[in-house]
Amino acid sequence: MNQTQRTLQEYRTSLTPDEVLAAAKQFFSRRNSLYAAFLDREGPTFVSFRGQGGEELIIAAAAHNGATRVTGSTYLFDMQIARFFTTLPPFKLEETLLPASASAEGTGA
């Protein structure tokens, strides 16, 4: 994995953007280790944390194509962002297929 892939990560979840941001605040505030991060700023679509040496960690969430696209950006906390993403339920795209009778009508059979 190159540095760009580690500093900007993306995930899709079935949670709403508000639920994602609340989960991020809970996840990162309960960490008590060398890589602890504390809430710095927040807005309607993001939360920003500060950690060791002033390192910034940002989580953003926005609705996109029926899912919530979550992005995480940092230089030092890439592992913690990846761990946070594993706590979110994944978005699963489900196809809605036509009933067998409807597909037969469309083909002229």
PDB file of N, CA and C in Angstrom:
ATOM      1  N   MET A   1       0.854  -1.176   0.000  1.00  0.00           N
ATOM      2  CA  MET A   1       0.000   0.000   0.000  1.00  0.00           C
ATOM      3  C   MET A   1       0.896   1.233   0.000  1.00  0.00           C
ATOM      4  N   ASN A   2       0.676   2.132  -0.974  1.00  0.00           N
ATOM      5  CA  ASN A   2       1.505   3.338  -1.011  1.00  0.00           C
ATOM      6  C   ASN A   2       0.980   4.388  -0.036  1.00  0.00           C
ATOM      7  N   GLN A   3       1.738   5.459   0.157  1.00  0.00           N
ATOM      8  CA  GLN A   3       1.391   6.464   1.165  1.00  0.00           C
ATOM      9  C   GLN A   3       0.048   7.129   0.876  1.00  0.00           C
ATOM     10  N   THR A   4      -0.261   7.388  -0.393  1.00  0.00           N
ATOM     11  CA  THR A   4      -1.538   8.012  -0.728  1.00  0.00           C
ATOM     12  C   THR A   4      -2.698   7.132  -0.311  1.00  0.00           C
ATOM     13  N   GLN A   5      -2.594   5.831  -0.501  1.00  0.00           N
ATOM     14  CA  GLN A   5      -3.664   4.923  -0.094  1.00  0.00           C
ATOM     15  C   GLN A   5      -3.826   4.887   1.420  1.00  0.00           C
ATOM     16  N   ARG A   6      -2.770   5.138   2.165  1.00  0.00           N
ATOM     17  CA  ARG A   6      -2.855   5.124   3.622  1.00  0.00           C
ATOM     18  C   ARG A   6      -3.360   6.444   4.173  1.00  0.00           C
ATOM     19  N   THR A   7      -3.060   7.561   3.503  1.00  0.00           N
ATOM     20  CA  THR A   7      -3.440   8.855   4.051  1.00  0.00           C
ATOM     21  C   THR A   7      -4.876   9.239   3.721  1.00  0.00           C
ATOM     22  N   LEU A   8      -5.468   8.671   2.690  1.00  0.00           N
ATOM     23  CA  LEU A   8      -6.864   8.932   2.352  1.00  0.00           C
ATOM     24  C   LEU A   8      -7.547   7.593   2.097  1.00  0.00           C
ATOM     25  N   GLN A   9      -8.418   7.215   3.002  1.00  0.00           N
ATOM     26  CA  GLN A   9      -9.123   5.942   2.894  1.00  0.00           C
ATOM     27  C   GLN A   9     -10.607   6.208   2.724  1.00  0.00           C
ATOM     28  N   GLU A  10     -11.288   5.268   2.069  1.00  0.00           N
ATOM     29  CA  GLU A  10     -12.717   5.436   1.822  1.00  0.00           C
ATOM     30  C   GLU A  10     -13.453   4.130   2.099  1.00  0.00           C
ATOM     31  N   TYR A  11     -14.701   4.271   2.564  1.00  0.00           N
ATOM     32  CA  TYR A  11     -15.527   3.113   2.913  1.00  0.00           C
ATOM     33  C   TYR A  11     -16.977   3.476   2.649  1.00  0.00           C
ATOM     34  N   ARG A  12     -17.801   2.497   2.300  1.00  0.00           N
ATOM     35  CA  ARG A  12     -19.241   2.718   2.132  1.00  0.00           C
ATOM     36  C   ARG A  12     -19.988   1.915   3.183  1.00  0.00           C
ATOM     37  N   THR A  13     -20.973   2.557   3.813  1.00  0.00           N
ATOM     38  CA  THR A  13     -21.722   1.919   4.888  1.00  0.00           C
ATOM     39  C   THR A  13     -23.213   2.180   4.715  1.00  0.00           C
ATOM     40  N   SER A  14     -24.010   1.381   5.410  1.00  0.00           N
ATOM     41  CA  SER A  14     -25.462   1.563   5.396  1.00  0.00           C
ATOM     42  C   SER A  14     -25.929   2.560   6.460  1.00  0.00           C
ATOM     43  N   LEU A  15     -25.038   2.993   7.351  1.00  0.00           N
ATOM     44  CA  LEU A  15     -25.399   3.991   8.360  1.00  0.00           C
ATOM     45  C   LEU A  15     -25.634   5.350   7.705  1.00  0.00           C
ATOM     46  N   THR A  16     -26.372   6.219   8.391  1.00  0.00           N
ATOM     47  CA  THR A  16     -26.536   7.587   7.903  1.00  0.00           C
ATOM     48  C   THR A  16     -25.262   8.379   8.217  1.00  0.00           C
ATOM     49  N   PRO A  17     -25.046   9.507   7.535  1.00  0.00           N
ATOM     50  CA  PRO A  17     -23.864  10.319   7.855  1.00  0.00           C
ATOM     51  C   PRO A  17     -23.814  10.737   9.327  1.00  0.00           C
ATOM     52  N   ASP A  18     -24.959  11.109   9.905  1.00  0.00           N
ATOM     53  CA  ASP A  18     -24.975  11.492  11.322  1.00  0.00           C
ATOM     54  C   ASP A  18     -24.553  10.336  12.224  1.00  0.00           C
ATOM     55  N   GLU A  19     -25.008   9.125  11.908  1.00  0.00           N
ATOM     56  CA  GLU A  19     -24.635   7.949  12.706  1.00  0.00           C
ATOM     57  C   GLU A  19     -23.142   7.666  12.588  1.00  0.00           C
ATOM     58  N   VAL A  20     -22.583   7.851  11.397  1.00  0.00           N
ATOM     59  CA  VAL A  20     -21.146   7.628  11.193  1.00  0.00           C
ATOM     60  C   VAL A  20     -20.332   8.606  12.030  1.00  0.00           C
ATOM     61  N   LEU A  21     -20.708   9.883  12.001  1.00  0.00           N
ATOM     62  CA  LEU A  21     -19.955  10.888  12.752  1.00  0.00           C
ATOM     63  C   LEU A  21     -20.062  10.653  14.257  1.00  0.00           C
ATOM     64  N   ALA A  22     -21.237  10.242  14.726  1.00  0.00           N
ATOM     65  CA  ALA A  22     -21.392   9.911  16.151  1.00  0.00           C
ATOM     66  C   ALA A  22     -20.525   8.712  16.516  1.00  0.00           C
ATOM     67  N   ALA A  23     -20.488   7.716  15.643  1.00  0.00           N
ATOM     68  CA  ALA A  23     -19.655   6.532  15.892  1.00  0.00           C
ATOM     69  C   ALA A  23     -18.176   6.904  15.909  1.00  0.00           C
ATOM     70  N   ALA A  24     -17.763   7.812  15.035  1.00  0.00           N
ATOM     71  CA  ALA A  24     -16.357   8.252  15.006  1.00  0.00           C
ATOM     72  C   ALA A  24     -15.986   8.954  16.307  1.00  0.00           C
ATOM     73  N   LYS A  25     -16.869   9.825  16.779  1.00  0.00           N
ATOM     74  CA  LYS A  25     -16.579  10.528  18.038  1.00  0.00           C
ATOM     75  C   LYS A  25     -16.449   9.538  19.194  1.00  0.00           C
ATOM     76  N   GLN A  26     -17.297   8.540  19.211  1.00  0.00           N
ATOM     77  CA  GLN A  26     -17.225   7.539  20.282  1.00  0.00           C
ATOM     78  C   GLN A  26     -15.977   6.672  20.133  1.00  0.00           C
ATOM     79  N   PHE A  27     -15.687   6.220  18.927  1.00  0.00           N
ATOM     80  CA  PHE A  27     -14.552   5.328  18.678  1.00  0.00           C
ATOM     81  C   PHE A  27     -13.225   6.000  19.043  1.00  0.00           C
ATOM     82  N   PHE A  28     -12.989   7.201  18.539  1.00  0.00           N
ATOM     83  CA  PHE A  28     -11.691   7.839  18.749  1.00  0.00           C
ATOM     84  C   PHE A  28     -11.534   8.443  20.141  1.00  0.00           C
ATOM     85  N   SER A  29     -12.620   8.812  20.787  1.00  0.00           N
ATOM     86  CA  SER A  29     -12.495   9.391  22.128  1.00  0.00           C
ATOM     87  C   SER A  29     -12.226   8.335  23.196  1.00  0.00           C
ATOM     88  N   ARG A  30     -12.557   7.086  22.938  1.00  0.00           N
ATOM     89  CA  ARG A  30     -12.341   6.059  23.960  1.00  0.00           C
ATOM     90  C   ARG A  30     -10.975   5.401  23.853  1.00  0.00           C
ATOM     91  N   ARG A  31     -10.203   5.760  22.846  1.00  0.00           N
ATOM     92  CA  ARG A  31      -8.849   5.217  22.697  1.00  0.00           C
ATOM     93  C   ARG A  31      -7.932   5.894  23.703  1.00  0.00           C
ATOM     94  N   ASN A  32      -7.232   5.111  24.485  1.00  0.00           N
ATOM     95  CA  ASN A  32      -6.303   5.677  25.459  1.00  0.00           C
ATOM     96  C   ASN A  32      -4.974   4.976  25.283  1.00  0.00           C
ATOM     97  N   SER A  33      -4.211   5.455  24.325  1.00  0.00           N
ATOM     98  CA  SER A  33      -2.937   4.818  24.027  1.00  0.00           C
ATOM     99  C   SER A  33      -1.990   5.856  23.451  1.00  0.00           C
ATOM    100  N   LEU A  34      -0.901   5.390  22.923  1.00  0.00           N
ATOM    101  CA  LEU A  34       0.074   6.260  22.268  1.00  0.00           C
ATOM    102  C   LEU A  34      -0.588   7.032  21.130  1.00  0.00           C
ATOM    103  N   TYR A  35      -1.588   6.422  20.491  1.00  0.00           N
ATOM    104  CA  TYR A  35      -2.252   7.043  19.349  1.00  0.00           C
ATOM    105  C   TYR A  35      -3.622   7.611  19.705  1.00  0.00           C
ATOM    106  N   ALA A  36      -3.787   8.098  20.905  1.00  0.00           N
ATOM    107  CA  ALA A  36      -5.064   8.699  21.309  1.00  0.00           C
ATOM    108  C   ALA A  36      -5.311   9.957  20.475  1.00  0.00           C
ATOM    109  N   ALA A  37      -6.582  10.180  20.136  1.00  0.00           N
ATOM    110  CA  ALA A  37      -6.981  11.370  19.389  1.00  0.00           C
ATOM    111  C   ALA A  37      -8.178  11.994  20.090  1.00  0.00           C
ATOM    112  N   PHE A  38      -8.200  13.317  20.111  1.00  0.00           N
ATOM    113  CA  PHE A  38      -9.240  14.036  20.832  1.00  0.00           C
ATOM    114  C   PHE A  38      -9.982  14.965  19.884  1.00  0.00           C
ATOM    115  N   LEU A  39     -11.282  15.081  20.064  1.00  0.00           N
ATOM    116  CA  LEU A  39     -12.124  15.906  19.200  1.00  0.00           C
ATOM    117  C   LEU A  39     -11.590  17.337  19.165  1.00  0.00           C
ATOM    118  N   ASP A  40     -11.395  17.855  17.961  1.00  0.00           N
ATOM    119  CA  ASP A  40     -10.876  19.207  17.770  1.00  0.00           C
ATOM    120  C   ASP A  40     -11.960  20.113  17.196  1.00  0.00           C
ATOM    121  N   ARG A  41     -12.538  19.714  16.061  1.00  0.00           N
ATOM    122  CA  ARG A  41     -13.588  20.495  15.413  1.00  0.00           C
ATOM    123  C   ARG A  41     -14.624  19.539  14.835  1.00  0.00           C
ATOM    124  N   GLU A  42     -15.825  20.071  14.590  1.00  0.00           N
ATOM    125  CA  GLU A  42     -16.836  19.260  13.917  1.00  0.00           C
ATOM    126  C   GLU A  42     -17.790  20.154  13.156  1.00  0.00           C
ATOM    127  N   GLY A  43     -18.377  19.579  12.126  1.00  0.00           N
ATOM    128  CA  GLY A  43     -19.360  20.272  11.309  1.00  0.00           C
ATOM    129  C   GLY A  43     -20.420  19.273  10.883  1.00  0.00           C
ATOM    130  N   PRO A  44     -21.339  19.670  10.029  1.00  0.00           N
ATOM    131  CA  PRO A  44     -22.430  18.774   9.648  1.00  0.00           C
ATOM    132  C   PRO A  44     -21.982  17.541   8.861  1.00  0.00           C
ATOM    133  N   THR A  45     -20.809  17.595   8.226  1.00  0.00           N
ATOM    134  CA  THR A  45     -20.359  16.463   7.414  1.00  0.00           C
ATOM    135  C   THR A  45     -18.992  15.913   7.812  1.00  0.00           C
ATOM    136  N   PHE A  46     -18.407  16.410   8.912  1.00  0.00           N
ATOM    137  CA  PHE A  46     -17.070  15.938   9.288  1.00  0.00           C
ATOM    138  C   PHE A  46     -16.841  16.073  10.789  1.00  0.00           C
ATOM    139  N   VAL A  47     -15.846  15.329  11.268  1.00  0.00           N
ATOM    140  CA  VAL A  47     -15.288  15.514  12.603  1.00  0.00           C
ATOM    141  C   VAL A  47     -13.773  15.501  12.448  1.00  0.00           C
ATOM    142  N   SER A  48     -13.101  16.344  13.215  1.00  0.00           N
ATOM    143  CA  SER A  48     -11.652  16.462  13.162  1.00  0.00           C
ATOM    144  C   SER A  48     -11.101  16.187  14.560  1.00  0.00           C
ATOM    145  N   PHE A  49     -10.047  15.397  14.603  1.00  0.00           N
ATOM    146  CA  PHE A  49      -9.407  15.044  15.872  1.00  0.00           C
ATOM    147  C   PHE A  49      -7.952  15.474  15.823  1.00  0.00           C
ATOM    148  N   ARG A  50      -7.370  15.700  17.000  1.00  0.00           N
ATOM    149  CA  ARG A  50      -5.941  15.983  17.130  1.00  0.00           C
ATOM    150  C   ARG A  50      -5.336  14.910  18.018  1.00  0.00           C
ATOM    151  N   GLY A  51      -4.135  14.502  17.648  1.00  0.00           N
ATOM    152  CA  GLY A  51      -3.467  13.472  18.417  1.00  0.00           C
ATOM    153  C   GLY A  51      -2.028  13.824  18.674  1.00  0.00           C
ATOM    154  N   GLN A  52      -1.235  12.795  18.810  1.00  0.00           N
ATOM    155  CA  GLN A  52       0.180  12.921  19.124  1.00  0.00           C
ATOM    156  C   GLN A  52       0.864  13.953  18.237  1.00  0.00           C
ATOM    157  N   GLY A  53       1.547  14.906  18.852  1.00  0.00           N
ATOM    158  CA  GLY A  53       2.295  15.913  18.105  1.00  0.00           C
ATOM    159  C   GLY A  53       1.408  16.850  17.298  1.00  0.00           C
ATOM    160  N   GLY A  54       0.118  16.923  17.611  1.00  0.00           N
ATOM    161  CA  GLY A  54      -0.789  17.788  16.858  1.00  0.00           C
ATOM    162  C   GLY A  54      -1.289  17.171  15.569  1.00  0.00           C
ATOM    163  N   GLU A  55      -0.979  15.894  15.362  1.00  0.00           N
ATOM    164  CA  GLU A  55      -1.415  15.203  14.145  1.00  0.00           C
ATOM    165  C   GLU A  55      -2.931  15.271  14.003  1.00  0.00           C
ATOM    166  N   GLU A  56      -3.396  15.588  12.813  1.00  0.00           N
ATOM    167  CA  GLU A  56      -4.830  15.715  12.545  1.00  0.00           C
ATOM    168  C   GLU A  56      -5.378  14.439  11.901  1.00  0.00           C
ATOM    169  N   LEU A  57      -6.578  14.111  12.278  1.00  0.00           N
ATOM    170  CA  LEU A  57      -7.308  12.960  11.734  1.00  0.00           C
ATOM    171  C   LEU A  57      -8.708  13.474  11.414  1.00  0.00           C
ATOM    172  N   ILE A  58      -9.160  13.287  10.185  1.00  0.00           N
ATOM    173  CA  ILE A  58     -10.469  13.789   9.778  1.00  0.00           C
ATOM    174  C   ILE A  58     -11.312  12.642   9.250  1.00  0.00           C
ATOM    175  N   ILE A  59     -12.555  12.577   9.713  1.00  0.00           N
ATOM    176  CA  ILE A  59     -13.549  11.633   9.196  1.00  0.00           C
ATOM    177  C   ILE A  59     -14.674  12.470   8.597  1.00  0.00           C
ATOM    178  N   ALA A  60     -15.030  12.202   7.352  1.00  0.00           N
ATOM    179  CA  ALA A  60     -16.132  12.896   6.685  1.00  0.00           C
ATOM    180  C   ALA A  60     -17.132  11.855   6.211  1.00  0.00           C
ATOM    181  N   ALA A  61     -18.407  12.234   6.175  1.00  0.00           N
ATOM    182  CA  ALA A  61     -19.457  11.311   5.752  1.00  0.00           C
ATOM    183  C   ALA A  61     -20.498  12.069   4.946  1.00  0.00           C
ATOM    184  N   ALA A  62     -20.916  11.471   3.828  1.00  0.00           N
ATOM    185  CA  ALA A  62     -21.939  12.077   2.975  1.00  0.00           C
ATOM    186  C   ALA A  62     -22.732  10.985   2.287  1.00  0.00           C
ATOM    187  N   ALA A  63     -24.020  11.233   2.126  1.00  0.00           N
ATOM    188  CA  ALA A  63     -24.869  10.287   1.402  1.00  0.00           C
ATOM    189  C   ALA A  63     -24.444  10.275  -0.066  1.00  0.00           C
ATOM    190  N   HIS A  64     -24.390   9.063  -0.647  1.00  0.00           N
ATOM    191  CA  HIS A  64     -23.952   8.926  -2.035  1.00  0.00           C
ATOM    192  C   HIS A  64     -24.518   7.640  -2.624  1.00  0.00           C
ATOM    193  N   ASN A  65     -25.394   7.761  -3.618  1.00  0.00           N
ATOM    194  CA  ASN A  65     -25.964   6.608  -4.332  1.00  0.00           C
ATOM    195  C   ASN A  65     -26.577   5.567  -3.406  1.00  0.00           C
ATOM    196  N   GLY A  66     -27.362   6.001  -2.441  1.00  0.00           N
ATOM    197  CA  GLY A  66     -28.061   5.080  -1.552  1.00  0.00           C
ATOM    198  C   GLY A  66     -27.252   4.572  -0.377  1.00  0.00           C
ATOM    199  N   ALA A  67     -26.009   4.960  -0.294  1.00  0.00           N
ATOM    200  CA  ALA A  67     -25.134   4.543   0.811  1.00  0.00           C
ATOM    201  C   ALA A  67     -24.561   5.801   1.441  1.00  0.00           C
ATOM    202  N   THR A  68     -23.735   5.616   2.448  1.00  0.00           N
ATOM    203  CA  THR A  68     -22.976   6.737   3.007  1.00  0.00           C
ATOM    204  C   THR A  68     -21.510   6.486   2.688  1.00  0.00           C
ATOM    205  N   ARG A  69     -20.913   7.447   1.996  1.00  0.00           N
ATOM    206  CA  ARG A  69     -19.481   7.352   1.687  1.00  0.00           C
ATOM    207  C   ARG A  69     -18.725   8.017   2.822  1.00  0.00           C
ATOM    208  N   VAL A  70     -17.832   7.263   3.434  1.00  0.00           N
ATOM    209  CA  VAL A  70     -17.047   7.744   4.570  1.00  0.00           C
ATOM    210  C   VAL A  70     -15.600   7.854   4.114  1.00  0.00           C
ATOM    211  N   THR A  71     -14.993   8.995   4.345  1.00  0.00           N
ATOM    212  CA  THR A  71     -13.577   9.145   4.038  1.00  0.00           C
ATOM    213  C   THR A  71     -12.826   9.472   5.320  1.00  0.00           C
ATOM    214  N   GLY A  72     -11.627   8.949   5.401  1.00  0.00           N
ATOM    215  CA  GLY A  72     -10.758   9.211   6.532  1.00  0.00           C
ATOM    216  C   GLY A  72      -9.432   9.707   6.014  1.00  0.00           C
ATOM    217  N   SER A  73      -8.936  10.789   6.586  1.00  0.00           N
ATOM    218  CA  SER A  73      -7.691  11.372   6.125  1.00  0.00           C
ATOM    219  C   SER A  73      -6.763  11.640   7.311  1.00  0.00           C
ATOM    220  N   THR A  74      -5.525  11.212   7.180  1.00  0.00           N
ATOM    221  CA  THR A  74      -4.514  11.411   8.209  1.00  0.00           C
ATOM    222  C   THR A  74      -3.163  11.020   7.639  1.00  0.00           C
ATOM    223  N   TYR A  75      -2.118  11.344   8.340  1.00  0.00           N
ATOM    224  CA  TYR A  75      -0.787  10.897   7.948  1.00  0.00           C
ATOM    225  C   TYR A  75      -0.296   9.802   8.891  1.00  0.00           C
ATOM    226  N   LEU A  76      -0.608   9.936  10.176  1.00  0.00           N
ATOM    227  CA  LEU A  76      -0.086   9.027  11.190  1.00  0.00           C
ATOM    228  C   LEU A  76      -1.084   7.956  11.636  1.00  0.00           C
ATOM    229  N   PHE A  77      -2.380   8.262  11.610  1.00  0.00           N
ATOM    230  CA  PHE A  77      -3.390   7.382  12.196  1.00  0.00           C
ATOM    231  C   PHE A  77      -4.086   6.478  11.180  1.00  0.00           C
ATOM    232  N   ASP A  78      -3.398   6.074  10.122  1.00  0.00           N
ATOM    233  CA  ASP A  78      -4.031   5.274   9.077  1.00  0.00           C
ATOM    234  C   ASP A  78      -4.555   3.939   9.602  1.00  0.00           C
ATOM    235  N   MET A  79      -3.857   3.300  10.525  1.00  0.00           N
ATOM    236  CA  MET A  79      -4.306   2.025  11.078  1.00  0.00           C
ATOM    237  C   MET A  79      -5.580   2.208  11.911  1.00  0.00           C
ATOM    238  N   GLN A  80      -5.654   3.304  12.648  1.00  0.00           N
ATOM    239  CA  GLN A  80      -6.836   3.550  13.471  1.00  0.00           C
ATOM    240  C   GLN A  80      -8.056   3.833  12.600  1.00  0.00           C
ATOM    241  N   ILE A  81      -7.869   4.532  11.489  1.00  0.00           N
ATOM    242  CA  ILE A  81      -8.986   4.758  10.568  1.00  0.00           C
ATOM    243  C   ILE A  81      -9.456   3.434   9.982  1.00  0.00           C
ATOM    244  N   ALA A  82      -8.524   2.602   9.564  1.00  0.00           N
ATOM    245  CA  ALA A  82      -8.896   1.289   9.022  1.00  0.00           C
ATOM    246  C   ALA A  82      -9.662   0.469  10.062  1.00  0.00           C
ATOM    247  N   ARG A  83      -9.232   0.525  11.312  1.00  0.00           N
ATOM    248  CA  ARG A  83      -9.952  -0.192  12.376  1.00  0.00           C
ATOM    249  C   ARG A  83     -11.338   0.387  12.590  1.00  0.00           C
ATOM    250  N   PHE A  84     -11.465   1.714  12.543  1.00  0.00           N
ATOM    251  CA  PHE A  84     -12.778   2.338  12.684  1.00  0.00           C
ATOM    252  C   PHE A  84     -13.714   1.857  11.576  1.00  0.00           C
ATOM    253  N   PHE A  85     -13.227   1.809  10.350  1.00  0.00           N
ATOM    254  CA  PHE A  85     -14.067   1.359   9.239  1.00  0.00           C
ATOM    255  C   PHE A  85     -14.593  -0.062   9.463  1.00  0.00           C
ATOM    256  N   THR A  86     -13.817  -0.916  10.120  1.00  0.00           N
ATOM    257  CA  THR A  86     -14.281  -2.291  10.360  1.00  0.00           C
ATOM    258  C   THR A  86     -15.426  -2.344  11.363  1.00  0.00           C
ATOM    259  N   THR A  87     -15.647  -1.268  12.126  1.00  0.00           N
ATOM    260  CA  THR A  87     -16.752  -1.251  13.088  1.00  0.00           C
ATOM    261  C   THR A  87     -18.066  -0.816  12.448  1.00  0.00           C
ATOM    262  N   LEU A  88     -18.004  -0.299  11.224  1.00  0.00           N
ATOM    263  CA  LEU A  88     -19.201   0.168  10.532  1.00  0.00           C
ATOM    264  C   LEU A  88     -19.814  -0.958   9.710  1.00  0.00           C
ATOM    265  N   PRO A  89     -21.145  -1.067   9.693  1.00  0.00           N
ATOM    266  CA  PRO A  89     -21.755  -2.094   8.842  1.00  0.00           C
ATOM    267  C   PRO A  89     -21.519  -1.738   7.369  1.00  0.00           C
ATOM    268  N   PRO A  90     -21.176  -2.710   6.551  1.00  0.00           N
ATOM    269  CA  PRO A  90     -20.915  -2.414   5.138  1.00  0.00           C
ATOM    270  C   PRO A  90     -22.212  -2.142   4.384  1.00  0.00           C
ATOM    271  N   PHE A  91     -22.085  -1.405   3.308  1.00  0.00           N
ATOM    272  CA  PHE A  91     -23.205  -1.199   2.394  1.00  0.00           C
ATOM    273  C   PHE A  91     -23.170  -2.319   1.387  1.00  0.00           C
ATOM    274  N   LYS A  92     -24.311  -2.959   1.181  1.00  0.00           N
ATOM    275  CA  LYS A  92     -24.391  -4.045   0.205  1.00  0.00           C
ATOM    276  C   LYS A  92     -25.410  -3.660  -0.849  1.00  0.00           C
ATOM    277  N   LEU A  93     -24.949  -3.577  -2.074  1.00  0.00           N
ATOM    278  CA  LEU A  93     -25.830  -3.262  -3.186  1.00  0.00           C
ATOM    279  C   LEU A  93     -26.625  -4.509  -3.534  1.00  0.00           C
ATOM    280  N   GLU A  94     -27.928  -4.379  -3.500  1.00  0.00           N
ATOM    281  CA  GLU A  94     -28.786  -5.512  -3.840  1.00  0.00           C
ATOM    282  C   GLU A  94     -29.550  -5.179  -5.103  1.00  0.00           C
ATOM    283  N   GLU A  95     -29.471  -6.077  -6.071  1.00  0.00           N
ATOM    284  CA  GLU A  95     -30.204  -5.884  -7.310  1.00  0.00           C
ATOM    285  C   GLU A  95     -31.632  -6.344  -7.131  1.00  0.00           C
ATOM    286  N   THR A  96     -32.544  -5.610  -7.719  1.00  0.00           N
ATOM    287  CA  THR A  96     -33.935  -6.024  -7.725  1.00  0.00           C
ATOM    288  C   THR A  96     -34.218  -6.592  -9.106  1.00  0.00           C
ATOM    289  N   LEU A  97     -34.456  -7.858  -9.149  1.00  0.00           N
ATOM    290  CA  LEU A  97     -34.704  -8.522 -10.425  1.00  0.00           C
ATOM    291  C   LEU A  97     -36.196  -8.544 -10.717  1.00  0.00           C
ATOM    292  N   LEU A  98     -36.519  -8.521 -11.985  1.00  0.00           N
ATOM    293  CA  LEU A  98     -37.912  -8.638 -12.393  1.00  0.00           C
ATOM    294  C   LEU A  98     -38.395 -10.057 -12.143  1.00  0.00           C
ATOM    295  N   PRO A  99     -39.686 -10.232 -11.817  1.00  0.00           N
ATOM    296  CA  PRO A  99     -40.208 -11.589 -11.673  1.00  0.00           C
ATOM    297  C   PRO A  99     -40.056 -12.330 -13.007  1.00  0.00           C
ATOM    298  N   ALA A 100     -39.985 -13.643 -12.934  1.00  0.00           N
ATOM    299  CA  ALA A 100     -39.801 -14.471 -14.139  1.00  0.00           C
ATOM    300  C   ALA A 100     -40.848 -14.195 -15.200  1.00  0.00           C
ATOM    301  N   SER A 101     -42.092 -13.971 -14.817  1.00  0.00           N
ATOM    302  CA  SER A 101     -43.152 -13.719 -15.801  1.00  0.00           C
ATOM    303  C   SER A 101     -42.937 -12.391 -16.514  1.00  0.00           C
ATOM    304  N   ALA A 102     -42.459 -11.385 -15.826  1.00  0.00           N
ATOM    305  CA  ALA A 102     -42.235 -10.082 -16.437  1.00  0.00           C
ATOM    306  C   ALA A 102     -41.087 -10.138 -17.437  1.00  0.00           C
ATOM    307  N   SER A 103     -40.045 -10.902 -17.130  1.00  0.00           N
ATOM    308  CA  SER A 103     -38.921 -10.980 -18.067  1.00  0.00           C
ATOM    309  C   SER A 103     -39.301 -11.777 -19.304  1.00  0.00           C
ATOM    310  N   ALA A 104     -40.194 -12.750 -19.209  1.00  0.00           N
ATOM    311  CA  ALA A 104     -40.632 -13.520 -20.366  1.00  0.00           C
ATOM    312  C   ALA A 104     -41.482 -12.655 -21.294  1.00  0.00           C
ATOM    313  N   GLU A 105     -42.294 -11.743 -20.708  1.00  0.00           N
ATOM    314  CA  GLU A 105     -43.135 -10.861 -21.512  1.00  0.00           C
ATOM    315  C   GLU A 105     -42.295  -9.893 -22.326  1.00  0.00           C
ATOM    316  N   GLY A 106     -41.189  -9.433 -21.736  1.00  0.00           N
ATOM    317  CA  GLY A 106     -40.330  -8.467 -22.410  1.00  0.00           C
ATOM    318  C   GLY A 106     -39.597  -9.045 -23.604  1.00  0.00           C
ATOM    319  N   THR A 107     -39.449 -10.373 -23.662  1.00  0.00           N
ATOM    320  CA  THR A 107     -38.714 -10.991 -24.759  1.00  0.00           C
ATOM    321  C   THR A 107     -39.648 -11.468 -25.870  1.00  0.00           C
ATOM    322  N   GLY A 108     -40.954 -11.363 -25.651  1.00  0.00           N
ATOM    323  CA  GLY A 108     -41.914 -11.806 -26.655  1.00  0.00           C
ATOM    324  C   GLY A 108     -42.135 -13.304 -26.635  1.00  0.00           C
ATOM    325  N   ALA A 109     -41.678 -13.966 -25.574  1.00  0.00           N
ATOM    326  CA  ALA A 109     -41.818 -15.430 -25.489  1.00  0.00           C
ATOM    327  C   ALA A 109     -43.212 -15.836 -25.094  1.00  0.00           C
TER     328      ALA A 109
END
